[in-house]
PDB file of N, CA and C in Angstrom:
ATOM      1  N   MET A   1     191.633 168.025 286.975  1.00  0.00           N
ATOM      2  CA  MET A   1     190.369 168.239 287.019  1.00  0.00           C
ATOM      3  C   MET A   1     189.599 167.189 288.129  1.00  0.00           C
ATOM      4  N   LYS A   2     188.763 167.636 288.594  1.00  0.00           N
ATOM      5  CA  LYS A   2     187.220 166.278 290.104  1.00  0.00           C
ATOM      6  C   LYS A   2     186.943 165.353 289.029  1.00  0.00           C
ATOM      7  N   SER A   3     186.984 164.507 288.954  1.00  0.00           N
ATOM      8  CA  SER A   3     185.867 163.590 288.563  1.00  0.00           C
ATOM      9  C   SER A   3     184.297 163.823 289.598  1.00  0.00           C
ATOM     10  N   THR A   4     183.597 164.088 289.296  1.00  0.00           N
ATOM     11  CA  THR A   4     182.399 163.142 290.695  1.00  0.00           C
ATOM     12  C   THR A   4     182.182 161.662 290.228  1.00  0.00           C
ATOM     13  N   GLN A   5     181.962 161.226 291.793  1.00  0.00           N
ATOM     14  CA  GLN A   5     181.541 160.065 292.452  1.00  0.00           C
ATOM     15  C   GLN A   5     180.550 159.296 292.880  1.00  0.00           C
ATOM     16  N   THR A   6     180.091 158.589 292.139  1.00  0.00           N
ATOM     17  CA  THR A   6     178.835 158.082 293.120  1.00  0.00           C
ATOM     18  C   THR A   6     179.232 157.867 293.869  1.00  0.00           C
ATOM     19  N   GLU A   7     178.141 156.897 295.069  1.00  0.00           N
ATOM     20  CA  GLU A   7     178.492 156.454 296.352  1.00  0.00           C
ATOM     21  C   GLU A   7     179.125 155.552 296.606  1.00  0.00           C
ATOM     22  N   ASN A   8     179.600 154.290 296.035  1.00  0.00           N
ATOM     23  CA  ASN A   8     180.157 153.592 295.558  1.00  0.00           C
ATOM     24  C   ASN A   8     181.606 153.414 294.767  1.00  0.00           C
ATOM     25  N   ASN A   9     181.739 154.892 294.602  1.00  0.00           N
ATOM     26  CA  ASN A   9     183.230 155.172 294.265  1.00  0.00           C
ATOM     27  C   ASN A   9     183.273 155.100 292.965  1.00  0.00           C
ATOM     28  N   LEU A  10     182.625 154.287 292.253  1.00  0.00           N
ATOM     29  CA  LEU A  10     182.720 154.908 290.320  1.00  0.00           C
ATOM     30  C   LEU A  10     182.555 156.305 290.050  1.00  0.00           C
ATOM     31  N   PRO A  11     183.159 156.552 289.285  1.00  0.00           N
ATOM     32  CA  PRO A  11     182.712 157.888 288.642  1.00  0.00           C
ATOM     33  C   PRO A  11     180.975 158.137 287.960  1.00  0.00           C
ATOM     34  N   GLU A  12     181.095 158.919 288.030  1.00  0.00           N
ATOM     35  CA  GLU A  12     178.772 159.307 287.734  1.00  0.00           C
ATOM     36  C   GLU A  12     179.170 159.747 286.165  1.00  0.00           C
ATOM     37  N   PRO A  13     178.543 158.948 285.608  1.00  0.00           N
ATOM     38  CA  PRO A  13     178.911 159.291 284.043  1.00  0.00           C
ATOM     39  C   PRO A  13     178.175 159.975 283.132  1.00  0.00           C
ATOM     40  N   THR A  14     178.411 160.737 282.541  1.00  0.00           N
ATOM     41  CA  THR A  14     178.347 161.784 281.025  1.00  0.00           C
ATOM     42  C   THR A  14     176.659 161.015 281.078  1.00  0.00           C
ATOM     43  N   LYS A  15     176.667 162.746 279.967  1.00  0.00           N
ATOM     44  CA  LYS A  15     174.881 162.588 279.411  1.00  0.00           C
ATOM     45  C   LYS A  15     175.171 160.979 277.880  1.00  0.00           C
ATOM     46  N   ALA A  16     176.452 161.466 277.503  1.00  0.00           N
ATOM     47  CA  ALA A  16     176.305 160.337 276.290  1.00  0.00           C
ATOM     48  C   ALA A  16     176.965 158.978 277.291  1.00  0.00           C
ATOM     49  N   GLU A  17     177.695 158.793 277.926  1.00  0.00           N
ATOM     50  CA  GLU A  17     177.860 157.818 278.884  1.00  0.00           C
ATOM     51  C   GLU A  17     176.093 157.277 278.797  1.00  0.00           C
ATOM     52  N   LEU A  18     175.978 157.910 279.596  1.00  0.00           N
ATOM     53  CA  LEU A  18     174.556 157.194 279.613  1.00  0.00           C
ATOM     54  C   LEU A  18     173.978 156.372 279.437  1.00  0.00           C
ATOM     55  N   GLU A  19     173.605 157.279 277.638  1.00  0.00           N
ATOM     56  CA  GLU A  19     173.099 156.634 276.968  1.00  0.00           C
ATOM     57  C   GLU A  19     174.031 155.503 276.455  1.00  0.00           C
ATOM     58  N   ILE A  20     174.614 154.941 276.098  1.00  0.00           N
ATOM     59  CA  ILE A  20     175.434 153.560 276.473  1.00  0.00           C
ATOM     60  C   ILE A  20     175.138 152.905 277.231  1.00  0.00           C
ATOM     61  N   LEU A  21     175.520 153.650 278.308  1.00  0.00           N
ATOM     62  CA  LEU A  21     174.890 152.667 279.559  1.00  0.00           C
ATOM     63  C   LEU A  21     173.545 152.053 279.231  1.00  0.00           C
ATOM     64  N   GLN A  22     172.311 152.889 278.767  1.00  0.00           N
ATOM     65  CA  GLN A  22     171.157 152.437 278.348  1.00  0.00           C
ATOM     66  C   GLN A  22     170.621 151.318 277.889  1.00  0.00           C
ATOM     67  N   VAL A  23     172.039 151.276 276.168  1.00  0.00           N
ATOM     68  CA  VAL A  23     172.020 150.228 274.906  1.00  0.00           C
ATOM     69  C   VAL A  23     171.714 148.914 276.067  1.00  0.00           C
ATOM     70  N   LEU A  24     173.196 149.338 276.978  1.00  0.00           N
ATOM     71  CA  LEU A  24     173.518 147.605 277.793  1.00  0.00           C
ATOM     72  C   LEU A  24     172.517 147.524 278.576  1.00  0.00           C
ATOM     73  N   TRP A  25     172.065 147.883 279.284  1.00  0.00           N
ATOM     74  CA  TRP A  25     171.086 147.906 280.414  1.00  0.00           C
ATOM     75  C   TRP A  25     169.885 147.147 279.404  1.00  0.00           C
ATOM     76  N   GLU A  26     169.947 147.582 278.532  1.00  0.00           N
ATOM     77  CA  GLU A  26     168.172 146.938 277.519  1.00  0.00           C
ATOM     78  C   GLU A  26     168.532 145.891 277.285  1.00  0.00           C
ATOM     79  N   PHE A  27     169.416 145.920 276.030  1.00  0.00           N
ATOM     80  CA  PHE A  27     170.229 145.050 275.220  1.00  0.00           C
ATOM     81  C   PHE A  27     170.678 144.242 275.726  1.00  0.00           C
ATOM     82  N   GLY A  28     171.977 143.900 276.817  1.00  0.00           N
ATOM     83  CA  GLY A  28     172.444 143.233 277.958  1.00  0.00           C
ATOM     84  C   GLY A  28     174.046 143.742 276.997  1.00  0.00           C
ATOM     85  N   PRO A  29     175.266 142.589 277.133  1.00  0.00           N
ATOM     86  CA  PRO A  29     176.139 142.867 276.948  1.00  0.00           C
ATOM     87  C   PRO A  29     176.293 142.586 275.641  1.00  0.00           C
ATOM     88  N   SER A  30     177.389 143.651 275.143  1.00  0.00           N
ATOM     89  CA  SER A  30     177.365 143.665 273.683  1.00  0.00           C
ATOM     90  C   SER A  30     178.323 144.248 273.020  1.00  0.00           C
ATOM     91  N   THR A  31     178.628 144.330 271.631  1.00  0.00           N
ATOM     92  CA  THR A  31     180.113 144.711 270.955  1.00  0.00           C
ATOM     93  C   THR A  31     180.084 146.461 270.416  1.00  0.00           C
ATOM     94  N   VAL A  32     180.744 147.334 270.054  1.00  0.00           N
ATOM     95  CA  VAL A  32     181.053 148.518 269.870  1.00  0.00           C
ATOM     96  C   VAL A  32     179.755 148.799 268.811  1.00  0.00           C
ATOM     97  N   ARG A  33     180.149 147.691 267.954  1.00  0.00           N
ATOM     98  CA  ARG A  33     179.404 147.720 266.761  1.00  0.00           C
ATOM     99  C   ARG A  33     177.680 147.850 267.222  1.00  0.00           C
ATOM    100  N   PHE A  34     177.276 147.083 267.911  1.00  0.00           N
ATOM    101  CA  PHE A  34     175.882 146.546 267.952  1.00  0.00           C
ATOM    102  C   PHE A  34     175.201 148.740 268.950  1.00  0.00           C
ATOM    103  N   VAL A  35     176.099 148.561 269.842  1.00  0.00           N
ATOM    104  CA  VAL A  35     175.932 150.137 271.106  1.00  0.00           C
ATOM    105  C   VAL A  35     175.950 151.124 269.828  1.00  0.00           C
ATOM    106  N   ASN A  36     176.861 151.124 268.396  1.00  0.00           N
ATOM    107  CA  ASN A  36     176.946 152.076 268.106  1.00  0.00           C
ATOM    108  C   ASN A  36     175.776 152.505 266.958  1.00  0.00           C
ATOM    109  N   ASP A  37     174.865 150.940 266.601  1.00  0.00           N
ATOM    110  CA  ASP A  37     174.102 151.045 265.705  1.00  0.00           C
ATOM    111  C   ASP A  37     173.341 151.066 266.014  1.00  0.00           C
ATOM    112  N   LYS A  38     172.378 151.192 267.675  1.00  0.00           N
ATOM    113  CA  LYS A  38     171.423 151.341 268.509  1.00  0.00           C
ATOM    114  C   LYS A  38     171.834 153.005 268.609  1.00  0.00           C
ATOM    115  N   LEU A  39     172.889 153.344 268.882  1.00  0.00           N
ATOM    116  CA  LEU A  39     172.936 154.854 269.319  1.00  0.00           C
ATOM    117  C   LEU A  39     172.640 155.613 267.843  1.00  0.00           C
ATOM    118  N   ASN A  40     172.940 155.173 267.178  1.00  0.00           N
ATOM    119  CA  ASN A  40     172.337 156.148 265.748  1.00  0.00           C
ATOM    120  C   ASN A  40     170.909 155.918 264.915  1.00  0.00           C
ATOM    121  N   GLU A  41     170.566 155.259 265.876  1.00  0.00           N
ATOM    122  CA  GLU A  41     168.662 155.063 265.594  1.00  0.00           C
ATOM    123  C   GLU A  41     168.534 156.288 265.677  1.00  0.00           C
ATOM    124  N   ILE A  42     168.905 156.816 267.071  1.00  0.00           N
ATOM    125  CA  ILE A  42     168.568 157.995 267.973  1.00  0.00           C
ATOM    126  C   ILE A  42     169.228 159.435 267.096  1.00  0.00           C
ATOM    127  N   ARG A  43     170.008 159.215 267.208  1.00  0.00           N
ATOM    128  CA  ARG A  43     171.119 160.082 266.428  1.00  0.00           C
ATOM    129  C   ARG A  43     172.289 159.752 266.149  1.00  0.00           C
ATOM    130  N   GLU A  44     173.039 161.124 265.375  1.00  0.00           N
ATOM    131  CA  GLU A  44     174.486 160.903 264.634  1.00  0.00           C
ATOM    132  C   GLU A  44     175.857 159.973 265.023  1.00  0.00           C
ATOM    133  N   VAL A  45     175.754 159.001 265.619  1.00  0.00           N
ATOM    134  CA  VAL A  45     177.075 159.333 266.329  1.00  0.00           C
ATOM    135  C   VAL A  45     178.271 158.079 265.741  1.00  0.00           C
ATOM    136  N   ASN A  46     179.400 158.445 265.212  1.00  0.00           N
ATOM    137  CA  ASN A  46     181.039 157.972 264.870  1.00  0.00           C
ATOM    138  C   ASN A  46     181.155 156.587 265.845  1.00  0.00           C
ATOM    139  N   TYR A  47     181.187 155.334 265.277  1.00  0.00           N
ATOM    140  CA  TYR A  47     182.013 154.721 264.942  1.00  0.00           C
ATOM    141  C   TYR A  47     183.228 154.572 266.742  1.00  0.00           C
ATOM    142  N   THR A  48     184.100 155.685 265.844  1.00  0.00           N
ATOM    143  CA  THR A  48     184.917 155.486 266.654  1.00  0.00           C
ATOM    144  C   THR A  48     184.984 156.455 268.455  1.00  0.00           C
ATOM    145  N   SER A  49     183.560 157.048 268.251  1.00  0.00           N
ATOM    146  CA  SER A  49     183.556 158.302 269.097  1.00  0.00           C
ATOM    147  C   SER A  49     182.812 157.163 269.956  1.00  0.00           C
ATOM    148  N   THR A  50     181.784 155.950 269.681  1.00  0.00           N
ATOM    149  CA  THR A  50     181.565 154.679 270.696  1.00  0.00           C
ATOM    150  C   THR A  50     182.366 153.896 271.550  1.00  0.00           C
ATOM    151  N   LEU A  51     183.563 153.642 270.932  1.00  0.00           N
ATOM    152  CA  LEU A  51     184.330 153.109 270.917  1.00  0.00           C
ATOM    153  C   LEU A  51     185.370 154.150 272.286  1.00  0.00           C
ATOM    154  N   LYS A  52     186.214 155.071 271.954  1.00  0.00           N
ATOM    155  CA  LYS A  52     186.327 155.790 272.850  1.00  0.00           C
ATOM    156  C   LYS A  52     186.020 155.532 274.119  1.00  0.00           C
ATOM    157  N   GLN A  53     184.561 155.761 274.113  1.00  0.00           N
ATOM    158  CA  GLN A  53     183.685 156.552 275.338  1.00  0.00           C
ATOM    159  C   GLN A  53     183.550 155.247 275.883  1.00  0.00           C
ATOM    160  N   MET A  54     183.043 153.786 275.520  1.00  0.00           N
ATOM    161  CA  MET A  54     183.063 152.606 276.178  1.00  0.00           C
ATOM    162  C   MET A  54     184.564 152.635 276.280  1.00  0.00           C
ATOM    163  N   GLN A  55     185.523 152.889 275.602  1.00  0.00           N
ATOM    164  CA  GLN A  55     186.597 152.769 276.560  1.00  0.00           C
ATOM    165  C   GLN A  55     187.466 153.332 278.079  1.00  0.00           C
ATOM    166  N   ILE A  56     186.676 153.945 277.504  1.00  0.00           N
ATOM    167  CA  ILE A  56     186.565 155.056 279.054  1.00  0.00           C
ATOM    168  C   ILE A  56     186.232 154.580 280.149  1.00  0.00           C
ATOM    169  N   LEU A  57     185.067 154.516 279.932  1.00  0.00           N
ATOM    170  CA  LEU A  57     183.936 154.086 280.574  1.00  0.00           C
ATOM    171  C   LEU A  57     185.078 151.806 281.276  1.00  0.00           C
ATOM    172  N   THR A  58     185.072 151.658 280.780  1.00  0.00           N
ATOM    173  CA  THR A  58     185.961 150.733 280.941  1.00  0.00           C
ATOM    174  C   THR A  58     187.202 150.960 282.433  1.00  0.00           C
ATOM    175  N   GLU A  59     187.442 152.052 282.265  1.00  0.00           N
ATOM    176  CA  GLU A  59     188.707 153.088 282.110  1.00  0.00           C
ATOM    177  C   GLU A  59     188.220 153.021 284.240  1.00  0.00           C
ATOM    178  N   LYS A  60     187.368 154.116 283.387  1.00  0.00           N
ATOM    179  CA  LYS A  60     186.404 154.491 285.096  1.00  0.00           C
ATOM    180  C   LYS A  60     185.613 153.654 285.261  1.00  0.00           C
ATOM    181  N   GLY A  61     185.724 152.489 285.627  1.00  0.00           N
ATOM    182  CA  GLY A  61     185.414 151.161 286.177  1.00  0.00           C
ATOM    183  C   GLY A  61     183.591 150.570 286.385  1.00  0.00           C
ATOM    184  N   ILE A  62     182.604 152.027 284.880  1.00  0.00           N
ATOM    185  CA  ILE A  62     181.459 151.303 284.985  1.00  0.00           C
ATOM    186  C   ILE A  62     181.369 150.236 284.143  1.00  0.00           C
ATOM    187  N   LEU A  63     182.354 149.990 283.460  1.00  0.00           N
ATOM    188  CA  LEU A  63     182.190 149.057 281.962  1.00  0.00           C
ATOM    189  C   LEU A  63     183.254 147.658 282.637  1.00  0.00           C
ATOM    190  N   LYS A  64     183.331 146.512 282.050  1.00  0.00           N
ATOM    191  CA  LYS A  64     184.498 145.743 282.184  1.00  0.00           C
ATOM    192  C   LYS A  64     183.847 145.003 280.506  1.00  0.00           C
ATOM    193  N   ARG A  65     184.660 144.973 280.036  1.00  0.00           N
ATOM    194  CA  ARG A  65     185.413 144.282 279.448  1.00  0.00           C
ATOM    195  C   ARG A  65     185.589 143.091 278.863  1.00  0.00           C
ATOM    196  N   ASP A  66     184.429 141.949 277.991  1.00  0.00           N
ATOM    197  CA  ASP A  66     185.365 140.398 278.276  1.00  0.00           C
ATOM    198  C   ASP A  66     186.037 140.500 276.864  1.00  0.00           C
ATOM    199  N   GLU A  67     187.243 140.296 277.030  1.00  0.00           N
ATOM    200  CA  GLU A  67     188.133 139.958 275.836  1.00  0.00           C
ATOM    201  C   GLU A  67     188.451 138.461 275.486  1.00  0.00           C
ATOM    202  N   SER A  68     188.328 137.390 275.681  1.00  0.00           N
ATOM    203  CA  SER A  68     187.861 136.263 275.405  1.00  0.00           C
ATOM    204  C   SER A  68     187.443 135.791 273.591  1.00  0.00           C
ATOM    205  N   GLN A  69     186.646 136.405 273.522  1.00  0.00           N
ATOM    206  CA  GLN A  69     185.954 136.105 271.958  1.00  0.00           C
ATOM    207  C   GLN A  69     186.737 137.397 271.061  1.00  0.00           C
ATOM    208  N   MET A  70     187.464 137.437 269.506  1.00  0.00           N
ATOM    209  CA  MET A  70     187.338 137.742 268.641  1.00  0.00           C
ATOM    210  C   MET A  70     187.273 138.901 269.154  1.00  0.00           C
ATOM    211  N   LYS A  71     185.776 138.883 269.015  1.00  0.00           N
ATOM    212  CA  LYS A  71     184.376 140.896 269.520  1.00  0.00           C
ATOM    213  C   LYS A  71     185.233 140.588 270.471  1.00  0.00           C
ATOM    214  N   HIS A  72     185.430 142.401 270.999  1.00  0.00           N
ATOM    215  CA  HIS A  72     185.097 142.322 272.909  1.00  0.00           C
ATOM    216  C   HIS A  72     183.310 142.507 272.901  1.00  0.00           C
ATOM    217  N   ILE A  73     183.007 141.947 273.726  1.00  0.00           N
ATOM    218  CA  ILE A  73     182.175 142.487 274.440  1.00  0.00           C
ATOM    219  C   ILE A  73     181.885 142.675 276.026  1.00  0.00           C
ATOM    220  N   TYR A  74     181.257 144.012 275.885  1.00  0.00           N
ATOM    221  CA  TYR A  74     181.085 145.877 276.739  1.00  0.00           C
ATOM    222  C   TYR A  74     179.904 144.961 277.682  1.00  0.00           C
ATOM    223  N   ILE A  75     180.257 144.986 279.506  1.00  0.00           N
ATOM    224  CA  ILE A  75     179.317 144.686 280.433  1.00  0.00           C
ATOM    225  C   ILE A  75     178.993 145.844 281.592  1.00  0.00           C
ATOM    226  N   PRO A  76     177.846 145.810 281.481  1.00  0.00           N
ATOM    227  CA  PRO A  76     177.880 147.442 282.529  1.00  0.00           C
ATOM    228  C   PRO A  76     178.089 146.863 283.751  1.00  0.00           C
ATOM    229  N   VAL A  77     179.285 147.161 285.282  1.00  0.00           N
ATOM    230  CA  VAL A  77     178.828 146.298 286.204  1.00  0.00           C
ATOM    231  C   VAL A  77     178.549 146.446 287.227  1.00  0.00           C
ATOM    232  N   GLU A  78     177.070 148.134 287.053  1.00  0.00           N
ATOM    233  CA  GLU A  78     176.824 147.845 288.073  1.00  0.00           C
ATOM    234  C   GLU A  78     175.236 147.665 287.658  1.00  0.00           C
ATOM    235  N   ALA A  79     173.977 147.567 288.504  1.00  0.00           N
ATOM    236  CA  ALA A  79     172.630 147.192 287.639  1.00  0.00           C
ATOM    237  C   ALA A  79     171.788 148.397 287.724  1.00  0.00           C
ATOM    238  N   GLU A  80     171.114 148.722 286.387  1.00  0.00           N
ATOM    239  CA  GLU A  80     170.903 149.855 285.837  1.00  0.00           C
ATOM    240  C   GLU A  80     169.471 149.968 286.795  1.00  0.00           C
ATOM    241  N   GLU A  81     168.737 150.243 287.627  1.00  0.00           N
ATOM    242  CA  GLU A  81     168.327 150.229 289.543  1.00  0.00           C
ATOM    243  C   GLU A  81     169.420 151.211 290.126  1.00  0.00           C
ATOM    244  N   LYS A  82     170.718 150.107 290.823  1.00  0.00           N
ATOM    245  CA  LYS A  82     171.413 150.968 291.449  1.00  0.00           C
ATOM    246  C   LYS A  82     171.831 151.788 291.039  1.00  0.00           C
ATOM    247  N   THR A  83     172.247 152.320 289.650  1.00  0.00           N
ATOM    248  CA  THR A  83     172.714 153.614 289.036  1.00  0.00           C
ATOM    249  C   THR A  83     171.889 154.555 288.711  1.00  0.00           C
ATOM    250  N   LYS A  84     170.364 154.225 288.667  1.00  0.00           N
ATOM    251  CA  LYS A  84     170.002 155.193 288.435  1.00  0.00           C
ATOM    252  C   LYS A  84     169.167 155.725 290.168  1.00  0.00           C
ATOM    253  N   VAL A  85     169.137 154.545 290.930  1.00  0.00           N
ATOM    254  CA  VAL A  85     168.903 155.576 292.474  1.00  0.00           C
ATOM    255  C   VAL A  85     170.464 156.370 293.136  1.00  0.00           C
ATOM    256  N   GLN A  86     171.174 155.915 292.650  1.00  0.00           N
ATOM    257  CA  GLN A  86     172.115 156.506 293.080  1.00  0.00           C
ATOM    258  C   GLN A  86     172.281 158.305 292.699  1.00  0.00           C
ATOM    259  N   LEU A  87     172.518 158.070 290.941  1.00  0.00           N
ATOM    260  CA  LEU A  87     172.631 159.358 290.542  1.00  0.00           C
ATOM    261  C   LEU A  87     170.990 159.556 291.116  1.00  0.00           C
ATOM    262  N   LEU A  88     169.680 160.000 291.344  1.00  0.00           N
ATOM    263  CA  LEU A  88     168.841 160.027 291.485  1.00  0.00           C
ATOM    264  C   LEU A  88     168.592 160.896 293.278  1.00  0.00           C
ATOM    265  N   ASP A  89     169.685 160.298 293.861  1.00  0.00           N
ATOM    266  CA  ASP A  89     170.221 160.577 295.696  1.00  0.00           C
ATOM    267  C   ASP A  89     171.019 161.510 295.425  1.00  0.00           C
ATOM    268  N   ARG A  90     171.903 161.675 294.479  1.00  0.00           N
ATOM    269  CA  ARG A  90     172.610 162.983 294.140  1.00  0.00           C
ATOM    270  C   ARG A  90     172.185 164.014 293.469  1.00  0.00           C
ATOM    271  N   PHE A  91     171.206 163.797 292.211  1.00  0.00           N
ATOM    272  CA  PHE A  91     170.622 165.134 291.544  1.00  0.00           C
ATOM    273  C   PHE A  91     169.762 166.295 292.908  1.00  0.00           C
ATOM    274  N   VAL A  92     169.316 164.873 293.917  1.00  0.00           N
ATOM    275  CA  VAL A  92     167.884 165.454 294.802  1.00  0.00           C
ATOM    276  C   VAL A  92     168.939 165.710 296.532  1.00  0.00           C
ATOM    277  N   ASN A  93     169.989 165.187 296.700  1.00  0.00           N
ATOM    278  CA  ASN A  93     170.791 166.355 297.318  1.00  0.00           C
ATOM    279  C   ASN A  93     171.659 167.330 297.091  1.00  0.00           C
ATOM    280  N   THR A  94     172.301 167.553 295.494  1.00  0.00           N
ATOM    281  CA  THR A  94     172.582 168.656 295.089  1.00  0.00           C
ATOM    282  C   THR A  94     171.360 170.052 294.488  1.00  0.00           C
ATOM    283  N   LEU A  95     170.792 169.579 294.192  1.00  0.00           N
ATOM    284  CA  LEU A  95     169.604 170.715 293.792  1.00  0.00           C
ATOM    285  C   LEU A  95     168.498 170.726 294.352  1.00  0.00           C
ATOM    286  N   TYR A  96     167.741 169.951 295.519  1.00  0.00           N
ATOM    287  CA  TYR A  96     167.330 170.006 295.906  1.00  0.00           C
ATOM    288  C   TYR A  96     167.056 170.152 298.080  1.00  0.00           C
ATOM    289  N   LYS A  97     168.440 169.766 298.589  1.00  0.00           N
ATOM    290  CA  LYS A  97     169.363 170.038 299.606  1.00  0.00           C
ATOM    291  C   LYS A  97     168.179 168.569 300.127  1.00  0.00           C
ATOM    292  N   GLY A  98     168.236 167.460 299.364  1.00  0.00           N
ATOM    293  CA  GLY A  98     167.718 166.535 300.036  1.00  0.00           C
ATOM    294  C   GLY A  98     166.251 166.446 300.359  1.00  0.00           C
ATOM    295  N   SER A  99     165.514 168.043 299.693  1.00  0.00           N
ATOM    296  CA  SER A  99     163.973 167.525 300.040  1.00  0.00           C
ATOM    297  C   SER A  99     163.669 166.766 298.712  1.00  0.00           C
ATOM    298  N   ALA A 100     162.920 165.496 298.810  1.00  0.00           N
ATOM    299  CA  ALA A 100     162.091 164.593 297.991  1.00  0.00           C
ATOM    300  C   ALA A 100     161.154 166.139 297.441  1.00  0.00           C
ATOM    301  N   SER A 101     160.742 166.000 298.463  1.00  0.00           N
ATOM    302  CA  SER A 101     158.961 166.708 298.150  1.00  0.00           C
ATOM    303  C   SER A 101     159.313 168.095 297.211  1.00  0.00           C
ATOM    304  N   LYS A 102     160.022 168.362 297.603  1.00  0.00           N
ATOM    305  CA  LYS A 102     160.499 169.476 296.599  1.00  0.00           C
ATOM    306  C   LYS A 102     160.994 169.613 295.607  1.00  0.00           C
ATOM    307  N   LEU A 103     160.994 168.082 295.407  1.00  0.00           N
ATOM    308  CA  LEU A 103     161.905 167.552 293.675  1.00  0.00           C
ATOM    309  C   LEU A 103     160.077 167.157 293.208  1.00  0.00           C
ATOM    310  N   MET A 104     159.383 166.823 293.912  1.00  0.00           N
ATOM    311  CA  MET A 104     158.066 166.292 293.591  1.00  0.00           C
ATOM    312  C   MET A 104     156.775 167.404 292.702  1.00  0.00           C
ATOM    313  N   MET A 105     157.166 168.455 293.756  1.00  0.00           N
ATOM    314  CA  MET A 105     156.669 169.668 293.765  1.00  0.00           C
ATOM    315  C   MET A 105     157.055 170.607 292.431  1.00  0.00           C
ATOM    316  N   GLN A 106     158.429 170.196 292.140  1.00  0.00           N
ATOM    317  CA  GLN A 106     158.576 171.125 290.890  1.00  0.00           C
ATOM    318  C   GLN A 106     157.814 169.943 289.774  1.00  0.00           C
ATOM    319  N   LEU A 107     158.438 168.784 289.615  1.00  0.00           N
ATOM    320  CA  LEU A 107     157.746 167.957 289.054  1.00  0.00           C
ATOM    321  C   LEU A 107     156.460 168.021 288.060  1.00  0.00           C
ATOM    322  N   LEU A 108     155.043 167.795 289.670  1.00  0.00           N
ATOM    323  CA  LEU A 108     153.748 168.709 289.550  1.00  0.00           C
ATOM    324  C   LEU A 108     153.736 169.514 288.875  1.00  0.00           C
ATOM    325  N   GLY A 109     154.379 170.516 289.303  1.00  0.00           N
ATOM    326  CA  GLY A 109     153.796 172.013 288.638  1.00  0.00           C
ATOM    327  C   GLY A 109     154.061 171.921 286.537  1.00  0.00           C
ATOM    328  N   ASN A 110     155.235 170.995 285.876  1.00  0.00           N
ATOM    329  CA  ASN A 110     155.411 170.910 285.223  1.00  0.00           C
ATOM    330  C   ASN A 110     153.994 170.770 284.276  1.00  0.00           C
ATOM    331  N   GLU A 111     154.276 170.999 283.109  1.00  0.00           N
ATOM    332  CA  GLU A 111     152.662 171.642 282.250  1.00  0.00           C
ATOM    333  C   GLU A 111     153.035 169.645 282.096  1.00  0.00           C
ATOM    334  N   LYS A 112     154.169 169.327 282.013  1.00  0.00           N
ATOM    335  CA  LYS A 112     153.770 168.149 281.271  1.00  0.00           C
ATOM    336  C   LYS A 112     153.754 166.719 281.594  1.00  0.00           C
ATOM    337  N   THR A 113     153.820 166.792 282.683  1.00  0.00           N
ATOM    338  CA  THR A 113     153.182 165.804 284.153  1.00  0.00           C
ATOM    339  C   THR A 113     151.237 165.498 283.485  1.00  0.00           C
ATOM    340  N   SER A 114     150.879 164.618 283.117  1.00  0.00           N
ATOM    341  CA  SER A 114     149.615 164.312 282.498  1.00  0.00           C
ATOM    342  C   SER A 114     148.692 163.887 283.488  1.00  0.00           C
ATOM    343  N   LYS A 115     147.285 164.285 283.075  1.00  0.00           N
ATOM    344  CA  LYS A 115     146.741 163.757 284.347  1.00  0.00           C
ATOM    345  C   LYS A 115     146.628 161.717 284.874  1.00  0.00           C
ATOM    346  N   LYS A 116     147.336 161.384 283.993  1.00  0.00           N
ATOM    347  CA  LYS A 116     147.296 159.954 284.072  1.00  0.00           C
ATOM    348  C   LYS A 116     148.192 159.768 284.630  1.00  0.00           C
ATOM    349  N   GLU A 117     149.549 160.274 284.368  1.00  0.00           N
ATOM    350  CA  GLU A 117     150.604 160.739 285.631  1.00  0.00           C
ATOM    351  C   GLU A 117     150.367 160.732 287.110  1.00  0.00           C
ATOM    352  N   ILE A 118     149.634 162.108 287.234  1.00  0.00           N
ATOM    353  CA  ILE A 118     149.349 162.324 288.491  1.00  0.00           C
ATOM    354  C   ILE A 118     148.646 161.332 288.898  1.00  0.00           C
ATOM    355  N   GLU A 119     147.295 160.540 288.704  1.00  0.00           N
ATOM    356  CA  GLU A 119     146.218 159.164 289.347  1.00  0.00           C
ATOM    357  C   GLU A 119     147.625 158.382 289.897  1.00  0.00           C
ATOM    358  N   GLU A 120     148.444 157.563 288.672  1.00  0.00           N
ATOM    359  CA  GLU A 120     149.700 156.946 289.265  1.00  0.00           C
ATOM    360  C   GLU A 120     150.593 157.494 290.387  1.00  0.00           C
ATOM    361  N   ILE A 121     151.195 158.759 290.590  1.00  0.00           N
ATOM    362  CA  ILE A 121     151.997 159.080 291.797  1.00  0.00           C
ATOM    363  C   ILE A 121     150.559 159.342 292.749  1.00  0.00           C
ATOM    364  N   LYS A 122     149.561 159.322 292.606  1.00  0.00           N
ATOM    365  CA  LYS A 122     148.472 159.098 293.858  1.00  0.00           C
ATOM    366  C   LYS A 122     148.279 157.824 294.447  1.00  0.00           C
ATOM    367  N   ARG A 123     148.149 156.927 293.485  1.00  0.00           N
ATOM    368  CA  ARG A 123     148.079 155.368 293.847  1.00  0.00           C
ATOM    369  C   ARG A 123     149.483 154.977 294.734  1.00  0.00           C
ATOM    370  N   LEU A 124     149.941 155.351 294.461  1.00  0.00           N
ATOM    371  CA  LEU A 124     151.383 155.062 295.084  1.00  0.00           C
ATOM    372  C   LEU A 124     151.819 155.937 295.887  1.00  0.00           C
ATOM    373  N   LEU A 125     151.288 156.625 296.398  1.00  0.00           N
ATOM    374  CA  LEU A 125     151.300 157.541 297.566  1.00  0.00           C
ATOM    375  C   LEU A 125     150.395 157.026 298.445  1.00  0.00           C
ATOM    376  N   ASP A 126     149.041 156.594 298.030  1.00  0.00           N
ATOM    377  CA  ASP A 126     147.987 155.831 299.113  1.00  0.00           C
ATOM    378  C   ASP A 126     148.614 154.356 299.295  1.00  0.00           C
ATOM    379  N   SER A 127     149.258 153.817 298.515  1.00  0.00           N
ATOM    380  CA  SER A 127     150.156 151.978 299.091  1.00  0.00           C
ATOM    381  C   SER A 127     150.863 152.334 299.524  1.00  0.00           C
ATOM    382  N   MET A 128     151.295 153.660 299.922  1.00  0.00           N
ATOM    383  CA  MET A 128     153.363 153.672 301.282  1.00  0.00           C
ATOM    384  C   MET A 128     152.543 153.832 302.750  1.00  0.00           C
ATOM    385  N   ASP A 129     150.906 154.269 302.279  1.00  0.00           N
ATOM    386  CA  ASP A 129     150.493 154.745 304.121  1.00  0.00           C
ATOM    387  C   ASP A 129     150.056 153.516 304.827  1.00  0.00           C
TER     388      ASP A 129
END
């Protein structure tokens, strides 16, 4: 089975793995129990599933584990922003042939885009001139 790699050769995380990373990015280095409790605020997740996923993330090199204490602490290897940039680049390259404008047109055509969001985008574009 071929695994998908980000530009820095770390495997691309799955949706479930990204949920774990979101918790770690928001709250910092954490135990499996803490991450599992946070995930359970959103949807029901078994502790053993969270543990296994975090072990896999460690094997993939996406997380590192601090074993110096009785409770193991898991830490993301890459910063949130760097990971998001890599995933977004891959997404745009794969689905939109590298065209950011095609992606923006798709997003802006979505009924979920509010007038406030469009105004924010206009301000951002104006500041880029």
